[in-house]
Amino acid sequence: MNNLSAVLSGAVAMASFATTLFFVKFWRQTSDVFFLLFALAFAIDTVSRAALGLTETSNELEPVFYLLRLAMFALIIVAITLKNRLR
């Protein structure tokens, strides 16, 4: 991974972390599970992006990064499904 890719991966990880804090703030205000699941999803994305930037992998095609992203998107789908089901 070249230096630019590492910097960009770190920037995306930082943005995901900021998004995690955003959703945690709203979860604490409302106690809505929707915000908690989104916070968990973006926390997983933060870990995935940070690990991608810090490891010496050849690219992001390693299975572990796909599994983390799969978990992230699954949490988002569960959050949306639960929110719509409770109406």
PDB file of N, CA and C in Angstrom:
ATOM      1  N   MET A   1       0.854  -1.168   0.000  1.00  0.00           N
ATOM      2  CA  MET A   1       0.000   0.000   0.000  1.00  0.00           C
ATOM      3  C   MET A   1       0.901   1.232   0.000  1.00  0.00           C
ATOM      4  N   ASN A   2       0.610   2.148  -0.891  1.00  0.00           N
ATOM      5  CA  ASN A   2       1.432   3.353  -0.929  1.00  0.00           C
ATOM      6  C   ASN A   2       0.971   4.356   0.128  1.00  0.00           C
ATOM      7  N   ASN A   3       1.733   5.421   0.262  1.00  0.00           N
ATOM      8  CA  ASN A   3       1.450   6.399   1.323  1.00  0.00           C
ATOM      9  C   ASN A   3       0.102   7.083   1.143  1.00  0.00           C
ATOM     10  N   LEU A   4      -0.253   7.395  -0.085  1.00  0.00           N
ATOM     11  CA  LEU A   4      -1.527   8.067  -0.325  1.00  0.00           C
ATOM     12  C   LEU A   4      -2.702   7.178   0.072  1.00  0.00           C
ATOM     13  N   SER A   5      -2.625   5.911  -0.245  1.00  0.00           N
ATOM     14  CA  SER A   5      -3.696   4.984   0.133  1.00  0.00           C
ATOM     15  C   SER A   5      -3.828   4.874   1.646  1.00  0.00           C
ATOM     16  N   ALA A   6      -2.702   4.872   2.339  1.00  0.00           N
ATOM     17  CA  ALA A   6      -2.739   4.794   3.801  1.00  0.00           C
ATOM     18  C   ALA A   6      -3.368   6.047   4.398  1.00  0.00           C
ATOM     19  N   VAL A   7      -3.026   7.202   3.849  1.00  0.00           N
ATOM     20  CA  VAL A   7      -3.596   8.460   4.350  1.00  0.00           C
ATOM     21  C   VAL A   7      -5.098   8.505   4.084  1.00  0.00           C
ATOM     22  N   LEU A   8      -5.503   8.117   2.891  1.00  0.00           N
ATOM     23  CA  LEU A   8      -6.930   8.128   2.568  1.00  0.00           C
ATOM     24  C   LEU A   8      -7.708   7.115   3.396  1.00  0.00           C
ATOM     25  N   SER A   9      -7.116   5.969   3.642  1.00  0.00           N
ATOM     26  CA  SER A   9      -7.765   4.974   4.494  1.00  0.00           C
ATOM     27  C   SER A   9      -7.922   5.507   5.917  1.00  0.00           C
ATOM     28  N   GLY A  10      -6.925   6.206   6.400  1.00  0.00           N
ATOM     29  CA  GLY A  10      -7.018   6.828   7.720  1.00  0.00           C
ATOM     30  C   GLY A  10      -8.077   7.911   7.772  1.00  0.00           C
ATOM     31  N   ALA A  11      -8.201   8.678   6.698  1.00  0.00           N
ATOM     32  CA  ALA A  11      -9.221   9.727   6.652  1.00  0.00           C
ATOM     33  C   ALA A  11     -10.623   9.127   6.666  1.00  0.00           C
ATOM     34  N   VAL A  12     -10.814   8.047   5.937  1.00  0.00           N
ATOM     35  CA  VAL A  12     -12.123   7.386   5.928  1.00  0.00           C
ATOM     36  C   VAL A  12     -12.412   6.762   7.289  1.00  0.00           C
ATOM     37  N   ALA A  13     -11.387   6.212   7.929  1.00  0.00           N
ATOM     38  CA  ALA A  13     -11.566   5.648   9.274  1.00  0.00           C
ATOM     39  C   ALA A  13     -11.957   6.741  10.263  1.00  0.00           C
ATOM     40  N   MET A  14     -11.333   7.908  10.146  1.00  0.00           N
ATOM     41  CA  MET A  14     -11.668   9.024  11.026  1.00  0.00           C
ATOM     42  C   MET A  14     -13.110   9.490  10.793  1.00  0.00           C
ATOM     43  N   ALA A  15     -13.522   9.541   9.530  1.00  0.00           N
ATOM     44  CA  ALA A  15     -14.894   9.940   9.220  1.00  0.00           C
ATOM     45  C   ALA A  15     -15.893   8.914   9.766  1.00  0.00           C
ATOM     46  N   SER A  16     -15.554   7.645   9.669  1.00  0.00           N
ATOM     47  CA  SER A  16     -16.430   6.604  10.225  1.00  0.00           C
ATOM     48  C   SER A  16     -16.509   6.712  11.740  1.00  0.00           C
ATOM     49  N   PHE A  17     -15.390   7.044  12.372  1.00  0.00           N
ATOM     50  CA  PHE A  17     -15.390   7.217  13.828  1.00  0.00           C
ATOM     51  C   PHE A  17     -16.248   8.412  14.231  1.00  0.00           C
ATOM     52  N   ALA A  18     -16.150   9.507  13.476  1.00  0.00           N
ATOM     53  CA  ALA A  18     -16.985  10.677  13.763  1.00  0.00           C
ATOM     54  C   ALA A  18     -18.465  10.338  13.590  1.00  0.00           C
ATOM     55  N   THR A  19     -18.779   9.550  12.581  1.00  0.00           N
ATOM     56  CA  THR A  19     -20.159   9.118  12.368  1.00  0.00           C
ATOM     57  C   THR A  19     -20.636   8.226  13.506  1.00  0.00           C
ATOM     58  N   THR A  20     -19.737   7.376  14.011  1.00  0.00           N
ATOM     59  CA  THR A  20     -20.070   6.542  15.169  1.00  0.00           C
ATOM     60  C   THR A  20     -20.445   7.411  16.361  1.00  0.00           C
ATOM     61  N   LEU A  21     -19.641   8.425  16.628  1.00  0.00           N
ATOM     62  CA  LEU A  21     -19.934   9.326  17.750  1.00  0.00           C
ATOM     63  C   LEU A  21     -21.252  10.063  17.551  1.00  0.00           C
ATOM     64  N   PHE A  22     -21.545  10.440  16.322  1.00  0.00           N
ATOM     65  CA  PHE A  22     -22.801  11.104  15.994  1.00  0.00           C
ATOM     66  C   PHE A  22     -23.992  10.219  16.358  1.00  0.00           C
ATOM     67  N   PHE A  23     -23.944   8.951  15.946  1.00  0.00           N
ATOM     68  CA  PHE A  23     -25.049   8.040  16.235  1.00  0.00           C
ATOM     69  C   PHE A  23     -25.120   7.667  17.710  1.00  0.00           C
ATOM     70  N   VAL A  24     -23.993   7.593  18.399  1.00  0.00           N
ATOM     71  CA  VAL A  24     -24.003   7.328  19.845  1.00  0.00           C
ATOM     72  C   VAL A  24     -24.680   8.479  20.577  1.00  0.00           C
ATOM     73  N   LYS A  25     -24.408   9.694  20.146  1.00  0.00           N
ATOM     74  CA  LYS A  25     -25.032  10.870  20.764  1.00  0.00           C
ATOM     75  C   LYS A  25     -26.557  10.793  20.655  1.00  0.00           C
ATOM     76  N   PHE A  26     -27.049  10.476  19.465  1.00  0.00           N
ATOM     77  CA  PHE A  26     -28.495  10.403  19.291  1.00  0.00           C
ATOM     78  C   PHE A  26     -29.096   9.183  19.971  1.00  0.00           C
ATOM     79  N   TRP A  27     -28.343   8.095  20.075  1.00  0.00           N
ATOM     80  CA  TRP A  27     -28.841   6.929  20.814  1.00  0.00           C
ATOM     81  C   TRP A  27     -28.991   7.272  22.294  1.00  0.00           C
ATOM     82  N   ARG A  28     -28.031   8.010  22.850  1.00  0.00           N
ATOM     83  CA  ARG A  28     -28.121   8.382  24.265  1.00  0.00           C
ATOM     84  C   ARG A  28     -29.283   9.333  24.517  1.00  0.00           C
ATOM     85  N   GLN A  29     -29.617  10.166  23.542  1.00  0.00           N
ATOM     86  CA  GLN A  29     -30.727  11.098  23.708  1.00  0.00           C
ATOM     87  C   GLN A  29     -32.086  10.415  23.571  1.00  0.00           C
ATOM     88  N   THR A  30     -32.184   9.442  22.666  1.00  0.00           N
ATOM     89  CA  THR A  30     -33.483   8.851  22.360  1.00  0.00           C
ATOM     90  C   THR A  30     -33.653   7.418  22.850  1.00  0.00           C
ATOM     91  N   SER A  31     -32.579   6.721  23.145  1.00  0.00           N
ATOM     92  CA  SER A  31     -32.590   5.295  23.512  1.00  0.00           C
ATOM     93  C   SER A  31     -33.214   4.428  22.421  1.00  0.00           C
ATOM     94  N   ASP A  32     -33.106   4.878  21.187  1.00  0.00           N
ATOM     95  CA  ASP A  32     -33.636   4.138  20.045  1.00  0.00           C
ATOM     96  C   ASP A  32     -32.578   3.146  19.550  1.00  0.00           C
ATOM     97  N   VAL A  33     -32.975   1.901  19.400  1.00  0.00           N
ATOM     98  CA  VAL A  33     -32.055   0.842  18.970  1.00  0.00           C
ATOM     99  C   VAL A  33     -31.517   1.122  17.565  1.00  0.00           C
ATOM    100  N   PHE A  34     -32.284   1.822  16.762  1.00  0.00           N
ATOM    101  CA  PHE A  34     -31.856   2.182  15.408  1.00  0.00           C
ATOM    102  C   PHE A  34     -30.512   2.897  15.434  1.00  0.00           C
ATOM    103  N   PHE A  35     -30.378   3.888  16.299  1.00  0.00           N
ATOM    104  CA  PHE A  35     -29.128   4.644  16.382  1.00  0.00           C
ATOM    105  C   PHE A  35     -27.995   3.797  16.955  1.00  0.00           C
ATOM    106  N   LEU A  36     -28.308   2.917  17.881  1.00  0.00           N
ATOM    107  CA  LEU A  36     -27.282   2.043  18.451  1.00  0.00           C
ATOM    108  C   LEU A  36     -26.725   1.093  17.393  1.00  0.00           C
ATOM    109  N   LEU A  37     -27.600   0.510  16.590  1.00  0.00           N
ATOM    110  CA  LEU A  37     -27.141  -0.410  15.550  1.00  0.00           C
ATOM    111  C   LEU A  37     -26.330   0.316  14.481  1.00  0.00           C
ATOM    112  N   PHE A  38     -26.729   1.530  14.145  1.00  0.00           N
ATOM    113  CA  PHE A  38     -25.933   2.303  13.192  1.00  0.00           C
ATOM    114  C   PHE A  38     -24.574   2.670  13.788  1.00  0.00           C
ATOM    115  N   ALA A  39     -24.540   2.994  15.069  1.00  0.00           N
ATOM    116  CA  ALA A  39     -23.261   3.291  15.720  1.00  0.00           C
ATOM    117  C   ALA A  39     -22.353   2.068  15.706  1.00  0.00           C
ATOM    118  N   LEU A  40     -22.914   0.899  15.983  1.00  0.00           N
ATOM    119  CA  LEU A  40     -22.119  -0.334  15.934  1.00  0.00           C
ATOM    120  C   LEU A  40     -21.623  -0.621  14.522  1.00  0.00           C
ATOM    121  N   ALA A  41     -22.466  -0.378  13.535  1.00  0.00           N
ATOM    122  CA  ALA A  41     -22.064  -0.614  12.145  1.00  0.00           C
ATOM    123  C   ALA A  41     -20.897   0.283  11.755  1.00  0.00           C
ATOM    124  N   PHE A  42     -20.972   1.549  12.124  1.00  0.00           N
ATOM    125  CA  PHE A  42     -19.883   2.450  11.760  1.00  0.00           C
ATOM    126  C   PHE A  42     -18.644   2.225  12.615  1.00  0.00           C
ATOM    127  N   ALA A  43     -18.810   1.692  13.817  1.00  0.00           N
ATOM    128  CA  ALA A  43     -17.639   1.311  14.614  1.00  0.00           C
ATOM    129  C   ALA A  43     -16.907   0.148  13.946  1.00  0.00           C
ATOM    130  N   ILE A  44     -17.656  -0.796  13.410  1.00  0.00           N
ATOM    131  CA  ILE A  44     -17.040  -1.901  12.670  1.00  0.00           C
ATOM    132  C   ILE A  44     -16.326  -1.368  11.433  1.00  0.00           C
ATOM    133  N   ASP A  45     -16.945  -0.402  10.753  1.00  0.00           N
ATOM    134  CA  ASP A  45     -16.302   0.193   9.580  1.00  0.00           C
ATOM    135  C   ASP A  45     -15.020   0.917   9.966  1.00  0.00           C
ATOM    136  N   THR A  46     -15.027   1.577  11.119  1.00  0.00           N
ATOM    137  CA  THR A  46     -13.822   2.251  11.596  1.00  0.00           C
ATOM    138  C   THR A  46     -12.689   1.253  11.796  1.00  0.00           C
ATOM    139  N   VAL A  47     -12.996   0.146  12.439  1.00  0.00           N
ATOM    140  CA  VAL A  47     -11.976  -0.886  12.677  1.00  0.00           C
ATOM    141  C   VAL A  47     -11.475  -1.451  11.354  1.00  0.00           C
ATOM    142  N   SER A  48     -12.390  -1.700  10.432  1.00  0.00           N
ATOM    143  CA  SER A  48     -12.012  -2.259   9.137  1.00  0.00           C
ATOM    144  C   SER A  48     -11.093  -1.317   8.368  1.00  0.00           C
ATOM    145  N   ARG A  49     -11.460  -0.051   8.317  1.00  0.00           N
ATOM    146  CA  ARG A  49     -10.653   0.921   7.562  1.00  0.00           C
ATOM    147  C   ARG A  49      -9.304   1.162   8.231  1.00  0.00           C
ATOM    148  N   ALA A  50      -9.297   1.225   9.554  1.00  0.00           N
ATOM    149  CA  ALA A  50      -8.025   1.423  10.259  1.00  0.00           C
ATOM    150  C   ALA A  50      -7.113   0.218  10.071  1.00  0.00           C
ATOM    151  N   ALA A  51      -7.676  -0.971  10.133  1.00  0.00           N
ATOM    152  CA  ALA A  51      -6.869  -2.179   9.926  1.00  0.00           C
ATOM    153  C   ALA A  51      -6.329  -2.229   8.505  1.00  0.00           C
ATOM    154  N   LEU A  52      -7.127  -1.804   7.553  1.00  0.00           N
ATOM    155  CA  LEU A  52      -6.677  -1.784   6.167  1.00  0.00           C
ATOM    156  C   LEU A  52      -5.514  -0.818   5.987  1.00  0.00           C
ATOM    157  N   GLY A  53      -5.581   0.320   6.667  1.00  0.00           N
ATOM    158  CA  GLY A  53      -4.503   1.295   6.550  1.00  0.00           C
ATOM    159  C   GLY A  53      -3.246   0.914   7.302  1.00  0.00           C
ATOM    160  N   LEU A  54      -3.385   0.128   8.357  1.00  0.00           N
ATOM    161  CA  LEU A  54      -2.227  -0.198   9.198  1.00  0.00           C
ATOM    162  C   LEU A  54      -1.544  -1.511   8.841  1.00  0.00           C
ATOM    163  N   THR A  55      -2.207  -2.360   8.090  1.00  0.00           N
ATOM    164  CA  THR A  55      -1.600  -3.651   7.760  1.00  0.00           C
ATOM    165  C   THR A  55      -0.882  -3.580   6.420  1.00  0.00           C
ATOM    166  N   GLU A  56      -0.063  -4.554   6.202  1.00  0.00           N
ATOM    167  CA  GLU A  56       0.711  -4.629   4.963  1.00  0.00           C
ATOM    168  C   GLU A  56       0.064  -5.594   3.975  1.00  0.00           C
ATOM    169  N   THR A  57      -1.229  -5.500   3.812  1.00  0.00           N
ATOM    170  CA  THR A  57      -1.895  -6.368   2.848  1.00  0.00           C
ATOM    171  C   THR A  57      -1.682  -5.818   1.449  1.00  0.00           C
ATOM    172  N   SER A  58      -1.799  -6.688   0.481  1.00  0.00           N
ATOM    173  CA  SER A  58      -1.590  -6.257  -0.897  1.00  0.00           C
ATOM    174  C   SER A  58      -2.731  -5.359  -1.371  1.00  0.00           C
ATOM    175  N   ASN A  59      -3.928  -5.664  -0.951  1.00  0.00           N
ATOM    176  CA  ASN A  59      -5.084  -4.841  -1.294  1.00  0.00           C
ATOM    177  C   ASN A  59      -6.229  -5.190  -0.351  1.00  0.00           C
ATOM    178  N   GLU A  60      -7.349  -4.573  -0.589  1.00  0.00           N
ATOM    179  CA  GLU A  60      -8.489  -4.819   0.300  1.00  0.00           C
ATOM    180  C   GLU A  60      -9.309  -6.034  -0.115  1.00  0.00           C
ATOM    181  N   LEU A  61      -8.772  -6.876  -0.959  1.00  0.00           N
ATOM    182  CA  LEU A  61      -9.485  -8.078  -1.377  1.00  0.00           C
ATOM    183  C   LEU A  61      -9.309  -9.237  -0.407  1.00  0.00           C
ATOM    184  N   GLU A  62      -8.661  -9.002   0.716  1.00  0.00           N
ATOM    185  CA  GLU A  62      -8.513 -10.033   1.738  1.00  0.00           C
ATOM    186  C   GLU A  62      -9.890 -10.344   2.329  1.00  0.00           C
ATOM    187  N   PRO A  63     -10.178 -11.600   2.620  1.00  0.00           N
ATOM    188  CA  PRO A  63     -11.516 -11.980   3.112  1.00  0.00           C
ATOM    189  C   PRO A  63     -11.925 -11.303   4.417  1.00  0.00           C
ATOM    190  N   VAL A  64     -10.976 -11.002   5.286  1.00  0.00           N
ATOM    191  CA  VAL A  64     -11.348 -10.419   6.579  1.00  0.00           C
ATOM    192  C   VAL A  64     -12.005  -9.053   6.396  1.00  0.00           C
ATOM    193  N   PHE A  65     -11.563  -8.276   5.416  1.00  0.00           N
ATOM    194  CA  PHE A  65     -12.166  -6.968   5.195  1.00  0.00           C
ATOM    195  C   PHE A  65     -13.582  -7.106   4.644  1.00  0.00           C
ATOM    196  N   TYR A  66     -13.800  -8.107   3.812  1.00  0.00           N
ATOM    197  CA  TYR A  66     -15.151  -8.349   3.316  1.00  0.00           C
ATOM    198  C   TYR A  66     -16.078  -8.817   4.427  1.00  0.00           C
ATOM    199  N   LEU A  67     -15.583  -9.643   5.329  1.00  0.00           N
ATOM    200  CA  LEU A  67     -16.421 -10.122   6.430  1.00  0.00           C
ATOM    201  C   LEU A  67     -16.811  -8.981   7.358  1.00  0.00           C
ATOM    202  N   LEU A  68     -15.873  -8.078   7.626  1.00  0.00           N
ATOM    203  CA  LEU A  68     -16.204  -6.925   8.467  1.00  0.00           C
ATOM    204  C   LEU A  68     -17.232  -6.030   7.787  1.00  0.00           C
ATOM    205  N   ARG A  69     -17.076  -5.817   6.498  1.00  0.00           N
ATOM    206  CA  ARG A  69     -18.043  -4.989   5.775  1.00  0.00           C
ATOM    207  C   ARG A  69     -19.399  -5.681   5.679  1.00  0.00           C
ATOM    208  N   LEU A  70     -19.385  -6.999   5.539  1.00  0.00           N
ATOM    209  CA  LEU A  70     -20.643  -7.750   5.530  1.00  0.00           C
ATOM    210  C   LEU A  70     -21.376  -7.584   6.855  1.00  0.00           C
ATOM    211  N   ALA A  71     -20.648  -7.661   7.955  1.00  0.00           N
ATOM    212  CA  ALA A  71     -21.259  -7.455   9.274  1.00  0.00           C
ATOM    213  C   ALA A  71     -21.805  -6.040   9.398  1.00  0.00           C
ATOM    214  N   MET A  72     -21.066  -5.071   8.879  1.00  0.00           N
ATOM    215  CA  MET A  72     -21.507  -3.682   8.942  1.00  0.00           C
ATOM    216  C   MET A  72     -22.818  -3.485   8.180  1.00  0.00           C
ATOM    217  N   PHE A  73     -22.864  -3.963   6.944  1.00  0.00           N
ATOM    218  CA  PHE A  73     -24.075  -3.785   6.146  1.00  0.00           C
ATOM    219  C   PHE A  73     -25.238  -4.615   6.683  1.00  0.00           C
ATOM    220  N   ALA A  74     -24.948  -5.757   7.275  1.00  0.00           N
ATOM    221  CA  ALA A  74     -26.009  -6.555   7.891  1.00  0.00           C
ATOM    222  C   ALA A  74     -26.633  -5.806   9.064  1.00  0.00           C
ATOM    223  N   LEU A  75     -25.809  -5.141   9.866  1.00  0.00           N
ATOM    224  CA  LEU A  75     -26.347  -4.350  10.980  1.00  0.00           C
ATOM    225  C   LEU A  75     -27.217  -3.204  10.478  1.00  0.00           C
ATOM    226  N   ILE A  76     -26.817  -2.577   9.391  1.00  0.00           N
ATOM    227  CA  ILE A  76     -27.614  -1.483   8.834  1.00  0.00           C
ATOM    228  C   ILE A  76     -28.955  -2.016   8.334  1.00  0.00           C
ATOM    229  N   ILE A  77     -28.941  -3.156   7.669  1.00  0.00           N
ATOM    230  CA  ILE A  77     -30.194  -3.752   7.183  1.00  0.00           C
ATOM    231  C   ILE A  77     -31.096  -4.140   8.347  1.00  0.00           C
ATOM    232  N   VAL A  78     -30.525  -4.716   9.395  1.00  0.00           N
ATOM    233  CA  VAL A  78     -31.308  -5.084  10.579  1.00  0.00           C
ATOM    234  C   VAL A  78     -31.908  -3.842  11.226  1.00  0.00           C
ATOM    235  N   ALA A  79     -31.131  -2.771  11.329  1.00  0.00           N
ATOM    236  CA  ALA A  79     -31.629  -1.536  11.944  1.00  0.00           C
ATOM    237  C   ALA A  79     -32.807  -0.973  11.163  1.00  0.00           C
ATOM    238  N   ILE A  80     -32.692  -0.933   9.850  1.00  0.00           N
ATOM    239  CA  ILE A  80     -33.772  -0.396   9.024  1.00  0.00           C
ATOM    240  C   ILE A  80     -35.002  -1.297   9.096  1.00  0.00           C
ATOM    241  N   THR A  81     -34.793  -2.598   9.067  1.00  0.00           N
ATOM    242  CA  THR A  81     -35.913  -3.540   9.152  1.00  0.00           C
ATOM    243  C   THR A  81     -36.639  -3.418  10.486  1.00  0.00           C
ATOM    244  N   LEU A  82     -35.882  -3.352  11.577  1.00  0.00           N
ATOM    245  CA  LEU A  82     -36.512  -3.208  12.895  1.00  0.00           C
ATOM    246  C   LEU A  82     -37.262  -1.887  13.011  1.00  0.00           C
ATOM    247  N   LYS A  83     -36.703  -0.831  12.486  1.00  0.00           N
ATOM    248  CA  LYS A  83     -37.356   0.479  12.570  1.00  0.00           C
ATOM    249  C   LYS A  83     -38.673   0.474  11.798  1.00  0.00           C
ATOM    250  N   ASN A  84     -38.682  -0.134  10.626  1.00  0.00           N
ATOM    251  CA  ASN A  84     -39.912  -0.181   9.832  1.00  0.00           C
ATOM    252  C   ASN A  84     -40.916  -1.175  10.392  1.00  0.00           C
ATOM    253  N   ARG A  85     -40.445  -2.200  11.047  1.00  0.00           N
ATOM    254  CA  ARG A  85     -41.334  -3.214  11.615  1.00  0.00           C
ATOM    255  C   ARG A  85     -42.077  -2.681  12.840  1.00  0.00           C
ATOM    256  N   LEU A  86     -41.474  -1.768  13.570  1.00  0.00           N
ATOM    257  CA  LEU A  86     -42.081  -1.248  14.794  1.00  0.00           C
ATOM    258  C   LEU A  86     -43.164  -0.217  14.523  1.00  0.00           C
ATOM    259  N   ARG A  87     -43.333   0.188  13.301  1.00  0.00           N
ATOM    260  CA  ARG A  87     -44.367   1.188  12.985  1.00  0.00           C
ATOM    261  C   ARG A  87     -45.735   0.582  12.965  1.00  0.00           C
TER     262      ARG A  87
END
